[in-house]
Structure formats: C-alpha cells, structure tokens
Amino acid sequence: MQDIHDKARAVKLVIFDVDGVLTDGGLFLGDDGQEYKAFHSRDGHGMKMLQYTGVVIGIITGRTSEVVRLRMESLGVEYVYQGKLEKLPAYEELKQKLGLSDDQIAYVGDDVVDLPIMRRVGLAIAVQDAHPFVVQHAHWQTPHGGGRGAARDVCEMIMQAQDTLQSSLEHYL
C-alpha cells in the first residue's frame, strides 16, 4: 500500500471513465431515445471534496449523453470529454492543457478500452468489478464497484495519501 500512496501523493489530476466507473454500467434508454444513468451521491461528494483540496478532476468517456454533462456541471467538473471512442488523444490533450506529466495523473477505468490510458498514467485504478484483464494492469483496485462508491474510494485514498482527508472530514464536525 505504501507504493500506492507514493503514487497517489504525486496526483494532480484524476480522470474517470463514466459507464462502469461512475455508474454501474447499466444503460437505461427510454422509448424517446433519452438515456438515463444512476450516479452514487457519495461518489459525487467525494469528487467535490477532492477538488476542494486542489486536485483536478476530468472525465473521458466513449458515450455522449446530456445527463453526464449535467452531472459533471453540478459537480464543478470542467474537463469533460464525451464521445471519445479512442480515449488516448483526449488524455494527451488534457495532459498538455494542464501542463502535467503522466506520473501526476490517475485514471479510473473498468474495461479494456481504458487500458491505453491506464498503461500511461502514474496511478492506474480499476474499480472492484472491472474486467479481469483491466485489473491485471491496475496499480490499485477499489473496494467498491462502479457506481456503488468506487469514485469515493479513489478520492479518499488520494486525499489520505496527500494528508488532506482528515481535515476534509473534520470540516463537517
């Protein structure tokens, strides 16, 4: 765990996939073609807490949906890349835009399409219910599954490594 905390200490940007990471991977489509997704409220609050400590959050997802835009807007997530079937170019663009190196970035994924980025970043994280091949290439795996607290696990682990978790929690006392 010390090695993971060393990697997490350097993180200035966390990039999350959406389907299977911020959601449980289920896709709900209405008769009108509208897409619905369920997000875990504690994941969202963890993301807000992490941003408050100065760590930037980004999203890179292969699908495009208005609900993702709205959810990320409500969480104050500025860097949202949707419709990116090839995720690596969006990763490179965001890395360049923020002037960061690979070792300053964490990526959270669940499926094989996430591997090109996961193999580049300083801290590659797989959610608890990720594809087994993805888990093999992760530095750390969350205790909770996608859409069921995995993002909160990531945020709190990074905050713990950066010595900001306790003060963030005590803020609520």
C-alpha atoms as a PDB file:
ATOM      1  CA  MET A   1       0.000   0.000   0.000  1.00  0.00           C
ATOM      2  CA  GLN A   2       2.941   2.330   0.591  1.00  0.00           C
ATOM      3  CA  ASP A   3       3.813   2.221  -3.122  1.00  0.00           C
ATOM      4  CA  ILE A   4       0.209   3.179  -3.981  1.00  0.00           C
ATOM      5  CA  HIS A   5       0.298   6.069  -1.517  1.00  0.00           C
ATOM      6  CA  ASP A   6       3.596   7.248  -3.016  1.00  0.00           C
ATOM      7  CA  LYS A   7       1.974   7.270  -6.460  1.00  0.00           C
ATOM      8  CA  ALA A   8      -1.183   8.950  -5.116  1.00  0.00           C
ATOM      9  CA  ARG A   9       0.834  11.661  -3.376  1.00  0.00           C
ATOM     10  CA  ALA A  10       2.000  12.925  -6.806  1.00  0.00           C
ATOM     11  CA  VAL A  11      -1.511  13.064  -8.331  1.00  0.00           C
ATOM     12  CA  LYS A  12      -2.757  16.461  -9.506  1.00  0.00           C
ATOM     13  CA  LEU A  13      -5.420  15.165 -11.920  1.00  0.00           C
ATOM     14  CA  VAL A  14      -7.826  12.233 -11.644  1.00  0.00           C
ATOM     15  CA  ILE A  15      -9.612  11.146 -14.814  1.00  0.00           C
ATOM     16  CA  PHE A  16     -12.702   8.984 -14.524  1.00  0.00           C
ATOM     17  CA  ASP A  17     -14.433   6.897 -17.151  1.00  0.00           C
ATOM     18  CA  VAL A  18     -18.231   7.106 -16.763  1.00  0.00           C
ATOM     19  CA  ASP A  19     -20.061   3.880 -17.665  1.00  0.00           C
ATOM     20  CA  GLY A  20     -18.970   1.154 -15.274  1.00  0.00           C
ATOM     21  CA  VAL A  21     -16.990   3.585 -13.099  1.00  0.00           C
ATOM     22  CA  LEU A  22     -19.262   6.483 -12.112  1.00  0.00           C
ATOM     23  CA  THR A  23     -22.261   4.256 -12.912  1.00  0.00           C
ATOM     24  CA  ASP A  24     -22.783   0.536 -12.509  1.00  0.00           C
ATOM     25  CA  GLY A  25     -22.548   0.170 -16.279  1.00  0.00           C
ATOM     26  CA  GLY A  26     -26.281  -0.206 -16.840  1.00  0.00           C
ATOM     27  CA  LEU A  27     -27.702   1.839 -19.702  1.00  0.00           C
ATOM     28  CA  PHE A  28     -31.336   2.847 -19.424  1.00  0.00           C
ATOM     29  CA  LEU A  29     -32.874   4.030 -22.676  1.00  0.00           C
ATOM     30  CA  GLY A  30     -36.368   5.483 -22.939  1.00  0.00           C
ATOM     31  CA  ASP A  31     -38.718   4.995 -25.886  1.00  0.00           C
ATOM     32  CA  ASP A  32     -37.812   8.536 -26.923  1.00  0.00           C
ATOM     33  CA  GLY A  33     -34.109   7.622 -27.130  1.00  0.00           C
ATOM     34  CA  GLN A  34     -33.318   9.532 -23.924  1.00  0.00           C
ATOM     35  CA  GLU A  35     -30.516   7.936 -21.910  1.00  0.00           C
ATOM     36  CA  TYR A  36     -30.707   7.644 -18.125  1.00  0.00           C
ATOM     37  CA  LYS A  37     -27.876   6.860 -15.729  1.00  0.00           C
ATOM     38  CA  ALA A  38     -27.726   6.403 -11.961  1.00  0.00           C
ATOM     39  CA  PHE A  39     -24.869   8.092 -10.107  1.00  0.00           C
ATOM     40  CA  HIS A  40     -23.988   7.460  -6.451  1.00  0.00           C
ATOM     41  CA  SER A  41     -24.351  10.597  -4.339  1.00  0.00           C
ATOM     42  CA  ARG A  42     -21.336   9.741  -2.158  1.00  0.00           C
ATOM     43  CA  ASP A  43     -19.166   9.418  -5.282  1.00  0.00           C
ATOM     44  CA  GLY A  44     -20.185  12.936  -6.258  1.00  0.00           C
ATOM     45  CA  HIS A  45     -19.457  14.336  -2.825  1.00  0.00           C
ATOM     46  CA  GLY A  46     -16.059  12.644  -2.781  1.00  0.00           C
ATOM     47  CA  MET A  47     -15.280  14.259  -6.128  1.00  0.00           C
ATOM     48  CA  LYS A  48     -16.228  17.664  -4.746  1.00  0.00           C
ATOM     49  CA  MET A  49     -14.093  17.096  -1.635  1.00  0.00           C
ATOM     50  CA  LEU A  50     -11.105  16.081  -3.754  1.00  0.00           C
ATOM     51  CA  GLN A  51     -11.468  19.133  -5.982  1.00  0.00           C
ATOM     52  CA  TYR A  52     -11.591  21.336  -2.892  1.00  0.00           C
ATOM     53  CA  THR A  53      -8.087  20.089  -1.987  1.00  0.00           C
ATOM     54  CA  GLY A  54      -6.793  21.310  -5.359  1.00  0.00           C
ATOM     55  CA  VAL A  55      -6.813  18.051  -7.321  1.00  0.00           C
ATOM     56  CA  VAL A  56      -8.423  18.498 -10.740  1.00  0.00           C
ATOM     57  CA  ILE A  57     -11.000  16.014 -11.995  1.00  0.00           C
ATOM     58  CA  GLY A  58     -11.638  15.128 -15.618  1.00  0.00           C
ATOM     59  CA  ILE A  59     -13.946  12.772 -17.481  1.00  0.00           C
ATOM     60  CA  ILE A  60     -13.176  10.820 -20.646  1.00  0.00           C
ATOM     61  CA  THR A  61     -15.997   8.610 -21.893  1.00  0.00           C
ATOM     62  CA  GLY A  62     -16.798   6.825 -25.119  1.00  0.00           C
ATOM     63  CA  ARG A  63     -20.512   7.627 -24.981  1.00  0.00           C
ATOM     64  CA  THR A  64     -22.196  11.013 -25.242  1.00  0.00           C
ATOM     65  CA  SER A  65     -25.114  11.921 -23.041  1.00  0.00           C
ATOM     66  CA  GLU A  66     -26.719  15.064 -21.706  1.00  0.00           C
ATOM     67  CA  VAL A  67     -27.087  13.539 -18.244  1.00  0.00           C
ATOM     68  CA  VAL A  68     -23.294  13.221 -17.972  1.00  0.00           C
ATOM     69  CA  ARG A  69     -22.873  16.877 -18.937  1.00  0.00           C
ATOM     70  CA  LEU A  70     -25.444  17.915 -16.352  1.00  0.00           C
ATOM     71  CA  ARG A  71     -23.994  15.742 -13.581  1.00  0.00           C
ATOM     72  CA  MET A  72     -20.439  16.942 -14.176  1.00  0.00           C
ATOM     73  CA  GLU A  73     -21.618  20.550 -14.331  1.00  0.00           C
ATOM     74  CA  SER A  74     -23.331  20.097 -10.953  1.00  0.00           C
ATOM     75  CA  LEU A  75     -20.067  18.742  -9.514  1.00  0.00           C
ATOM     76  CA  GLY A  76     -17.955  21.563 -10.951  1.00  0.00           C
ATOM     77  CA  VAL A  77     -16.006  19.229 -13.247  1.00  0.00           C
ATOM     78  CA  GLU A  78     -14.649  21.446 -16.015  1.00  0.00           C
ATOM     79  CA  TYR A  79     -12.857  18.904 -18.208  1.00  0.00           C
ATOM     80  CA  VAL A  80     -15.454  16.617 -19.768  1.00  0.00           C
ATOM     81  CA  TYR A  81     -14.631  14.686 -22.942  1.00  0.00           C
ATOM     82  CA  GLN A  82     -17.575  12.700 -24.320  1.00  0.00           C
ATOM     83  CA  GLY A  83     -17.909  10.575 -27.448  1.00  0.00           C
ATOM     84  CA  LYS A  84     -14.235   9.587 -27.332  1.00  0.00           C
ATOM     85  CA  LEU A  85     -14.122   6.047 -28.691  1.00  0.00           C
ATOM     86  CA  GLU A  86     -10.347   6.474 -28.811  1.00  0.00           C
ATOM     87  CA  LYS A  87      -9.583   7.946 -25.387  1.00  0.00           C
ATOM     88  CA  LEU A  88      -5.831   8.474 -25.684  1.00  0.00           C
ATOM     89  CA  PRO A  89      -5.993  11.671 -27.816  1.00  0.00           C
ATOM     90  CA  ALA A  90      -8.327  13.282 -25.249  1.00  0.00           C
ATOM     91  CA  TYR A  91      -5.931  12.224 -22.485  1.00  0.00           C
ATOM     92  CA  GLU A  92      -2.968  13.772 -24.293  1.00  0.00           C
ATOM     93  CA  GLU A  93      -4.928  16.986 -24.929  1.00  0.00           C
ATOM     94  CA  LEU A  94      -5.914  17.308 -21.276  1.00  0.00           C
ATOM     95  CA  LYS A  95      -2.420  16.483 -20.037  1.00  0.00           C
ATOM     96  CA  GLN A  96      -0.982  19.148 -22.350  1.00  0.00           C
ATOM     97  CA  LYS A  97      -3.640  21.708 -21.404  1.00  0.00           C
ATOM     98  CA  LEU A  98      -2.839  21.316 -17.706  1.00  0.00           C
ATOM     99  CA  GLY A  99       0.927  21.019 -18.194  1.00  0.00           C
ATOM    100  CA  LEU A 100       1.160  17.739 -16.311  1.00  0.00           C
ATOM    101  CA  SER A 101       3.323  14.655 -16.658  1.00  0.00           C
ATOM    102  CA  ASP A 102       1.971  11.097 -16.729  1.00  0.00           C
ATOM    103  CA  ASP A 103       3.080  10.446 -13.131  1.00  0.00           C
ATOM    104  CA  GLN A 104       0.892  13.332 -11.903  1.00  0.00           C
ATOM    105  CA  ILE A 105      -2.253  11.723 -13.322  1.00  0.00           C
ATOM    106  CA  ALA A 106      -4.513   8.934 -12.075  1.00  0.00           C
ATOM    107  CA  TYR A 107      -7.058   7.201 -14.281  1.00  0.00           C
ATOM    108  CA  VAL A 108     -10.009   5.112 -13.128  1.00  0.00           C
ATOM    109  CA  GLY A 109     -11.391   2.532 -15.548  1.00  0.00           C
ATOM    110  CA  ASP A 110     -13.312  -0.706 -15.775  1.00  0.00           C
ATOM    111  CA  ASP A 111     -12.932  -2.142 -19.278  1.00  0.00           C
ATOM    112  CA  VAL A 112     -10.340  -2.820 -21.955  1.00  0.00           C
ATOM    113  CA  VAL A 113     -10.990   0.493 -23.763  1.00  0.00           C
ATOM    114  CA  ASP A 114      -9.434   2.184 -20.707  1.00  0.00           C
ATOM    115  CA  LEU A 115      -6.132   0.316 -20.949  1.00  0.00           C
ATOM    116  CA  PRO A 116      -4.273   2.657 -23.340  1.00  0.00           C
ATOM    117  CA  ILE A 117      -4.563   5.446 -20.760  1.00  0.00           C
ATOM    118  CA  MET A 118      -4.144   3.186 -17.729  1.00  0.00           C
ATOM    119  CA  ARG A 119      -0.818   1.972 -19.089  1.00  0.00           C
ATOM    120  CA  ARG A 120       0.446   5.582 -19.354  1.00  0.00           C
ATOM    121  CA  VAL A 121      -0.586   7.189 -16.069  1.00  0.00           C
ATOM    122  CA  GLY A 122       1.305   7.236 -12.800  1.00  0.00           C
ATOM    123  CA  LEU A 123      -1.640   5.675 -10.938  1.00  0.00           C
ATOM    124  CA  ALA A 124      -3.939   3.269 -12.802  1.00  0.00           C
ATOM    125  CA  ILE A 125      -7.037   2.284 -10.848  1.00  0.00           C
ATOM    126  CA  ALA A 126      -9.590  -0.416 -11.644  1.00  0.00           C
ATOM    127  CA  VAL A 127     -12.989  -0.482  -9.970  1.00  0.00           C
ATOM    128  CA  GLN A 128     -13.839  -3.570  -7.910  1.00  0.00           C
ATOM    129  CA  ASP A 129     -15.968  -5.123 -10.653  1.00  0.00           C
ATOM    130  CA  ALA A 130     -13.662  -4.249 -13.563  1.00  0.00           C
ATOM    131  CA  HIS A 131     -12.849  -6.743 -16.309  1.00  0.00           C
ATOM    132  CA  PRO A 132     -10.136  -9.141 -15.022  1.00  0.00           C
ATOM    133  CA  PHE A 133      -7.715  -8.123 -17.791  1.00  0.00           C
ATOM    134  CA  VAL A 134      -8.024  -4.483 -16.684  1.00  0.00           C
ATOM    135  CA  VAL A 135      -7.377  -5.461 -13.064  1.00  0.00           C
ATOM    136  CA  GLN A 136      -4.112  -7.101 -14.167  1.00  0.00           C
ATOM    137  CA  HIS A 137      -2.890  -3.716 -15.435  1.00  0.00           C
ATOM    138  CA  ALA A 138      -4.037  -1.622 -12.487  1.00  0.00           C
ATOM    139  CA  HIS A 139      -1.859  -0.376  -9.645  1.00  0.00           C
ATOM    140  CA  TRP A 140      -4.855  -0.435  -7.273  1.00  0.00           C
ATOM    141  CA  GLN A 141      -8.403  -1.777  -7.227  1.00  0.00           C
ATOM    142  CA  THR A 142     -11.256  -0.068  -5.374  1.00  0.00           C
ATOM    143  CA  PRO A 143     -13.123  -1.902  -2.610  1.00  0.00           C
ATOM    144  CA  HIS A 144     -16.460  -0.869  -4.168  1.00  0.00           C
ATOM    145  CA  GLY A 145     -17.865  -1.420  -7.638  1.00  0.00           C
ATOM    146  CA  GLY A 146     -18.547   1.119 -10.331  1.00  0.00           C
ATOM    147  CA  GLY A 147     -21.468   3.387  -9.462  1.00  0.00           C
ATOM    148  CA  ARG A 148     -21.502   1.978  -5.940  1.00  0.00           C
ATOM    149  CA  GLY A 149     -18.834   4.017  -4.175  1.00  0.00           C
ATOM    150  CA  ALA A 150     -15.735   3.350  -6.296  1.00  0.00           C
ATOM    151  CA  ALA A 151     -15.156   7.026  -7.070  1.00  0.00           C
ATOM    152  CA  ARG A 152     -15.411   7.879  -3.370  1.00  0.00           C
ATOM    153  CA  ASP A 153     -12.844   5.145  -2.648  1.00  0.00           C
ATOM    154  CA  VAL A 154     -10.469   6.764  -5.150  1.00  0.00           C
ATOM    155  CA  CYS A 155     -10.982  10.292  -3.846  1.00  0.00           C
ATOM    156  CA  GLU A 156     -10.475   9.330  -0.213  1.00  0.00           C
ATOM    157  CA  MET A 157      -7.424   7.163  -0.947  1.00  0.00           C
ATOM    158  CA  ILE A 158      -5.748  10.054  -2.782  1.00  0.00           C
ATOM    159  CA  MET A 159      -6.723  12.522  -0.067  1.00  0.00           C
ATOM    160  CA  GLN A 160      -5.350  10.161   2.586  1.00  0.00           C
ATOM    161  CA  ALA A 161      -2.054   9.875   0.694  1.00  0.00           C
ATOM    162  CA  GLN A 162      -1.890  13.659   0.350  1.00  0.00           C
ATOM    163  CA  ASP A 163      -2.757  14.224   4.038  1.00  0.00           C
ATOM    164  CA  THR A 164      -5.951  16.140   3.251  1.00  0.00           C
ATOM    165  CA  LEU A 165      -8.601  13.542   4.158  1.00  0.00           C
ATOM    166  CA  GLN A 166      -8.787  14.071   7.917  1.00  0.00           C
ATOM    167  CA  SER A 167      -9.109  17.854   7.693  1.00  0.00           C
ATOM    168  CA  SER A 168     -11.697  17.490   4.932  1.00  0.00           C
ATOM    169  CA  LEU A 169     -13.789  15.165   7.088  1.00  0.00           C
ATOM    170  CA  GLU A 170     -13.374  17.291  10.214  1.00  0.00           C
ATOM    171  CA  HIS A 171     -14.801  20.215   8.263  1.00  0.00           C
ATOM    172  CA  TYR A 172     -18.203  18.568   8.797  1.00  0.00           C
ATOM    173  CA  LEU A 173     -17.936  18.398  12.613  1.00  0.00           C
END
